[in-house]
Amino acid sequence: MVIVIDEKKLVHNCKIVSILLVILAVIVFLSLSSKIFHFSEANPIQYQRNFSVLNTPEKHVVSSMRKTGEVQSGVLGKNRGHGNGGSKFFDEVSRVHSSK
């Protein structure tokens, strides 16, 4: 009995799985960034203690995740509007691009 492997089907399935894993990684990164930012806002002393225990590469990752969470909260958070349902998303994008 010979087992035949369809390479085209295998490659297609691998592509689908890899795309789904990348999407999952982005969603997990964004959700953890938000949690880290909100934790640093709610418990700044505990955040500093935990941060000081980390080594240098871990500190860089946590700092970038906190910054991502801060931007995420500013753009998508509860206090994003300028009054009557306005959104500061476009103002934020404009500010970022004008500073370059």
N, C-alpha and C. Protein backbone atom coordinates (compact mmCIF):
# COMPACT_ATOMS: atom_id res chain seq x y z
N MET A 1 0.84 -1.18 0.00
CA MET A 1 0.00 0.00 0.00
C MET A 1 0.89 1.25 0.00
N VAL A 2 0.65 2.10 -0.95
CA VAL A 2 1.45 3.31 -1.12
C VAL A 2 0.59 4.52 -0.74
N ILE A 3 1.18 5.39 0.08
CA ILE A 3 0.48 6.61 0.48
C ILE A 3 0.90 7.72 -0.48
N VAL A 4 -0.07 8.34 -1.11
CA VAL A 4 0.19 9.41 -2.07
C VAL A 4 -0.18 10.74 -1.40
N ILE A 5 0.76 11.68 -1.46
CA ILE A 5 0.54 13.00 -0.86
C ILE A 5 0.34 14.00 -1.99
N ASP A 6 -0.77 14.70 -1.94
CA ASP A 6 -1.05 15.73 -2.92
C ASP A 6 -0.32 17.01 -2.48
N GLU A 7 0.76 17.34 -3.17
CA GLU A 7 1.60 18.47 -2.76
C GLU A 7 0.87 19.80 -2.91
N LYS A 8 0.06 19.96 -3.93
CA LYS A 8 -0.66 21.22 -4.13
C LYS A 8 -1.64 21.46 -2.98
N LYS A 9 -2.32 20.42 -2.58
CA LYS A 9 -3.27 20.55 -1.48
C LYS A 9 -2.53 20.83 -0.17
N LEU A 10 -1.40 20.19 0.02
CA LEU A 10 -0.59 20.40 1.22
C LEU A 10 -0.07 21.83 1.29
N VAL A 11 0.43 22.35 0.17
CA VAL A 11 0.94 23.73 0.14
C VAL A 11 -0.21 24.71 0.38
N HIS A 12 -1.35 24.46 -0.22
CA HIS A 12 -2.52 25.33 -0.03
C HIS A 12 -2.93 25.36 1.44
N ASN A 13 -2.99 24.21 2.08
CA ASN A 13 -3.35 24.14 3.49
C ASN A 13 -2.31 24.83 4.37
N CYS A 14 -1.04 24.69 4.03
CA CYS A 14 0.02 25.36 4.80
C CYS A 14 -0.08 26.87 4.69
N LYS A 15 -0.41 27.36 3.50
CA LYS A 15 -0.57 28.81 3.31
C LYS A 15 -1.72 29.34 4.16
N ILE A 16 -2.82 28.61 4.16
CA ILE A 16 -3.99 29.05 4.95
C ILE A 16 -3.66 29.06 6.43
N VAL A 17 -3.02 28.01 6.89
CA VAL A 17 -2.66 27.92 8.32
C VAL A 17 -1.68 29.03 8.69
N SER A 18 -0.69 29.31 7.84
CA SER A 18 0.29 30.34 8.17
C SER A 18 -0.35 31.73 8.20
N ILE A 19 -1.27 32.01 7.29
CA ILE A 19 -1.96 33.29 7.30
C ILE A 19 -2.80 33.43 8.56
N LEU A 20 -3.50 32.38 8.93
CA LEU A 20 -4.30 32.43 10.15
C LEU A 20 -3.44 32.62 11.40
N LEU A 21 -2.26 32.00 11.42
CA LEU A 21 -1.37 32.17 12.58
C LEU A 21 -0.83 33.59 12.67
N VAL A 22 -0.55 34.22 11.53
CA VAL A 22 -0.08 35.61 11.55
C VAL A 22 -1.19 36.52 12.05
N ILE A 23 -2.41 36.30 11.58
CA ILE A 23 -3.54 37.11 12.04
C ILE A 23 -3.75 36.93 13.54
N LEU A 24 -3.66 35.70 14.01
CA LEU A 24 -3.80 35.43 15.44
C LEU A 24 -2.70 36.12 16.24
N ALA A 25 -1.48 36.10 15.73
CA ALA A 25 -0.36 36.76 16.44
C ALA A 25 -0.59 38.26 16.55
N VAL A 26 -1.10 38.88 15.50
CA VAL A 26 -1.37 40.32 15.54
C VAL A 26 -2.47 40.63 16.54
N ILE A 27 -3.52 39.84 16.55
CA ILE A 27 -4.63 40.07 17.48
C ILE A 27 -4.15 39.89 18.93
N VAL A 28 -3.35 38.87 19.18
CA VAL A 28 -2.83 38.65 20.54
C VAL A 28 -1.91 39.80 20.95
N PHE A 29 -1.05 40.26 20.04
CA PHE A 29 -0.15 41.38 20.34
C PHE A 29 -0.94 42.63 20.70
N LEU A 30 -1.96 42.94 19.91
CA LEU A 30 -2.75 44.14 20.18
C LEU A 30 -3.53 44.04 21.48
N SER A 31 -4.08 42.87 21.76
CA SER A 31 -4.83 42.73 23.01
C SER A 31 -3.90 42.80 24.22
N LEU A 32 -2.73 42.17 24.13
CA LEU A 32 -1.79 42.25 25.25
C LEU A 32 -1.22 43.66 25.41
N SER A 33 -1.02 44.36 24.30
CA SER A 33 -0.56 45.75 24.38
C SER A 33 -1.56 46.59 25.15
N SER A 34 -2.83 46.40 24.85
CA SER A 34 -3.87 47.14 25.55
C SER A 34 -3.87 46.81 27.04
N LYS A 35 -3.73 45.53 27.37
CA LYS A 35 -3.72 45.12 28.79
C LYS A 35 -2.52 45.70 29.52
N ILE A 36 -1.35 45.68 28.89
CA ILE A 36 -0.15 46.24 29.52
C ILE A 36 -0.31 47.74 29.75
N PHE A 37 -0.85 48.45 28.77
CA PHE A 37 -1.03 49.89 28.93
C PHE A 37 -2.01 50.20 30.05
N HIS A 38 -3.15 49.50 30.07
CA HIS A 38 -4.13 49.76 31.12
C HIS A 38 -3.60 49.37 32.50
N PHE A 39 -2.80 48.31 32.58
CA PHE A 39 -2.19 47.94 33.85
C PHE A 39 -1.20 49.02 34.30
N SER A 40 -0.42 49.56 33.36
CA SER A 40 0.55 50.59 33.73
C SER A 40 -0.14 51.87 34.17
N GLU A 41 -1.34 52.12 33.65
CA GLU A 41 -2.10 53.30 34.08
C GLU A 41 -2.76 53.06 35.44
N ALA A 42 -3.28 51.86 35.65
CA ALA A 42 -4.00 51.57 36.89
C ALA A 42 -3.06 51.33 38.07
N ASN A 43 -1.93 50.65 37.84
CA ASN A 43 -0.98 50.31 38.90
C ASN A 43 0.43 50.71 38.51
N PRO A 44 0.75 52.00 38.50
CA PRO A 44 2.08 52.42 38.02
C PRO A 44 3.24 51.92 38.88
N ILE A 45 3.04 51.82 40.18
CA ILE A 45 4.13 51.38 41.05
C ILE A 45 4.44 49.90 40.80
N GLN A 46 3.40 49.08 40.75
CA GLN A 46 3.59 47.66 40.47
C GLN A 46 4.16 47.44 39.07
N TYR A 47 3.73 48.26 38.12
CA TYR A 47 4.25 48.17 36.76
C TYR A 47 5.76 48.45 36.75
N GLN A 48 6.20 49.48 37.48
CA GLN A 48 7.62 49.81 37.54
C GLN A 48 8.42 48.70 38.22
N ARG A 49 7.87 48.11 39.26
CA ARG A 49 8.56 46.99 39.92
C ARG A 49 8.72 45.81 38.96
N ASN A 50 7.63 45.45 38.29
CA ASN A 50 7.70 44.34 37.34
C ASN A 50 8.64 44.66 36.18
N PHE A 51 8.61 45.90 35.73
CA PHE A 51 9.46 46.32 34.60
C PHE A 51 10.94 46.27 34.97
N SER A 52 11.26 46.63 36.20
CA SER A 52 12.67 46.66 36.61
C SER A 52 13.28 45.26 36.72
N VAL A 53 12.45 44.25 36.88
CA VAL A 53 12.94 42.87 36.99
C VAL A 53 13.31 42.30 35.62
N LEU A 54 12.75 42.83 34.56
CA LEU A 54 12.97 42.29 33.21
C LEU A 54 14.40 42.55 32.73
N ASN A 55 14.87 41.69 31.80
CA ASN A 55 16.16 41.95 31.18
C ASN A 55 15.97 42.90 29.99
N THR A 56 17.06 43.30 29.35
CA THR A 56 17.01 44.35 28.33
C THR A 56 16.10 44.01 27.15
N PRO A 57 16.20 42.83 26.52
CA PRO A 57 15.28 42.56 25.40
C PRO A 57 13.81 42.55 25.82
N GLU A 58 13.54 42.04 27.01
CA GLU A 58 12.16 42.03 27.50
C GLU A 58 11.65 43.44 27.75
N LYS A 59 12.52 44.32 28.24
CA LYS A 59 12.13 45.70 28.47
C LYS A 59 11.76 46.39 27.17
N HIS A 60 12.51 46.11 26.10
CA HIS A 60 12.21 46.71 24.80
C HIS A 60 10.84 46.25 24.30
N VAL A 61 10.56 44.97 24.46
CA VAL A 61 9.27 44.43 24.01
C VAL A 61 8.13 45.04 24.80
N VAL A 62 8.27 45.09 26.12
CA VAL A 62 7.21 45.64 26.97
C VAL A 62 7.02 47.13 26.69
N SER A 63 8.11 47.85 26.48
CA SER A 63 7.99 49.28 26.16
C SER A 63 7.25 49.50 24.85
N SER A 64 7.58 48.70 23.85
CA SER A 64 6.89 48.85 22.57
C SER A 64 5.43 48.45 22.68
N MET A 65 5.15 47.42 23.48
CA MET A 65 3.75 47.01 23.66
C MET A 65 2.97 48.07 24.43
N ARG A 66 3.61 48.71 25.40
CA ARG A 66 2.93 49.77 26.15
C ARG A 66 2.64 50.95 25.23
N LYS A 67 3.60 51.32 24.40
CA LYS A 67 3.41 52.43 23.47
C LYS A 67 2.30 52.10 22.47
N THR A 68 2.29 50.87 21.97
CA THR A 68 1.24 50.45 21.05
C THR A 68 -0.12 50.52 21.74
N GLY A 69 -0.20 50.08 22.97
CA GLY A 69 -1.45 50.15 23.73
C GLY A 69 -1.89 51.57 23.98
N GLU A 70 -0.91 52.47 24.19
CA GLU A 70 -1.23 53.88 24.40
C GLU A 70 -1.83 54.49 23.14
N VAL A 71 -1.22 54.22 22.00
CA VAL A 71 -1.75 54.73 20.74
C VAL A 71 -3.11 54.11 20.44
N GLN A 72 -3.22 52.83 20.70
CA GLN A 72 -4.48 52.10 20.49
C GLN A 72 -5.58 52.71 21.35
N SER A 73 -5.28 53.00 22.59
CA SER A 73 -6.27 53.58 23.48
C SER A 73 -6.64 54.98 23.04
N GLY A 74 -5.66 55.74 22.56
CA GLY A 74 -5.94 57.10 22.10
C GLY A 74 -6.79 57.13 20.85
N VAL A 75 -6.56 56.19 19.96
CA VAL A 75 -7.28 56.18 18.68
C VAL A 75 -8.63 55.47 18.81
N LEU A 76 -8.66 54.36 19.53
CA LEU A 76 -9.87 53.56 19.60
C LEU A 76 -10.56 53.60 20.95
N GLY A 77 -10.01 54.34 21.90
CA GLY A 77 -10.53 54.32 23.26
C GLY A 77 -11.82 55.11 23.44
N LYS A 78 -12.27 55.16 24.68
CA LYS A 78 -13.53 55.82 25.03
C LYS A 78 -13.46 57.33 24.83
N ASN A 79 -12.32 57.93 25.08
CA ASN A 79 -12.18 59.39 25.04
C ASN A 79 -11.60 59.87 23.72
N ARG A 80 -11.98 59.26 22.64
CA ARG A 80 -11.38 59.60 21.36
C ARG A 80 -12.07 60.75 20.65
N GLY A 81 -13.30 61.07 21.01
CA GLY A 81 -14.08 62.06 20.28
C GLY A 81 -13.77 63.49 20.67
N HIS A 82 -14.12 64.41 19.77
CA HIS A 82 -13.98 65.85 20.04
C HIS A 82 -15.35 66.46 20.32
N GLY A 83 -16.20 65.77 20.98
CA GLY A 83 -17.51 66.34 21.25
C GLY A 83 -18.61 65.52 20.60
N ASN A 84 -19.23 66.05 19.62
CA ASN A 84 -20.43 65.46 19.03
C ASN A 84 -20.11 64.24 18.17
N GLY A 85 -19.62 63.19 18.77
CA GLY A 85 -19.39 61.95 18.05
C GLY A 85 -18.20 61.99 17.11
N GLY A 86 -17.40 63.04 17.17
CA GLY A 86 -16.23 63.14 16.30
C GLY A 86 -15.19 62.14 16.70
N SER A 87 -14.30 61.87 15.78
CA SER A 87 -13.23 60.92 16.06
C SER A 87 -11.91 61.60 15.82
N LYS A 88 -10.96 61.38 16.70
CA LYS A 88 -9.66 61.99 16.49
C LYS A 88 -8.71 61.05 15.75
N PHE A 89 -9.26 60.00 15.15
CA PHE A 89 -8.44 59.08 14.37
C PHE A 89 -7.73 59.82 13.24
N PHE A 90 -8.48 60.62 12.50
CA PHE A 90 -7.89 61.33 11.37
C PHE A 90 -6.91 62.40 11.85
N ASP A 91 -7.20 63.02 12.99
CA ASP A 91 -6.26 63.99 13.56
C ASP A 91 -4.96 63.31 13.96
N GLU A 92 -5.07 62.11 14.53
CA GLU A 92 -3.87 61.35 14.94
C GLU A 92 -3.04 60.96 13.73
N VAL A 93 -3.69 60.48 12.69
CA VAL A 93 -2.96 60.09 11.47
C VAL A 93 -2.31 61.33 10.85
N SER A 94 -3.01 62.42 10.82
CA SER A 94 -2.45 63.65 10.28
C SER A 94 -1.24 64.12 11.09
N ARG A 95 -1.34 64.04 12.42
CA ARG A 95 -0.23 64.45 13.29
C ARG A 95 0.99 63.59 13.06
N VAL A 96 0.78 62.28 12.95
CA VAL A 96 1.90 61.36 12.75
C VAL A 96 2.60 61.63 11.42
N HIS A 97 1.81 61.86 10.38
CA HIS A 97 2.40 62.07 9.06
C HIS A 97 3.03 63.46 8.93
N SER A 98 2.51 64.44 9.65
CA SER A 98 3.09 65.77 9.56
C SER A 98 4.39 65.89 10.33
N SER A 99 4.61 65.00 11.31
CA SER A 99 5.84 65.05 12.10
C SER A 99 7.00 64.38 11.39
N LYS A 100 6.74 63.70 10.28
CA LYS A 100 7.82 63.01 9.55
C LYS A 100 8.50 63.92 8.58
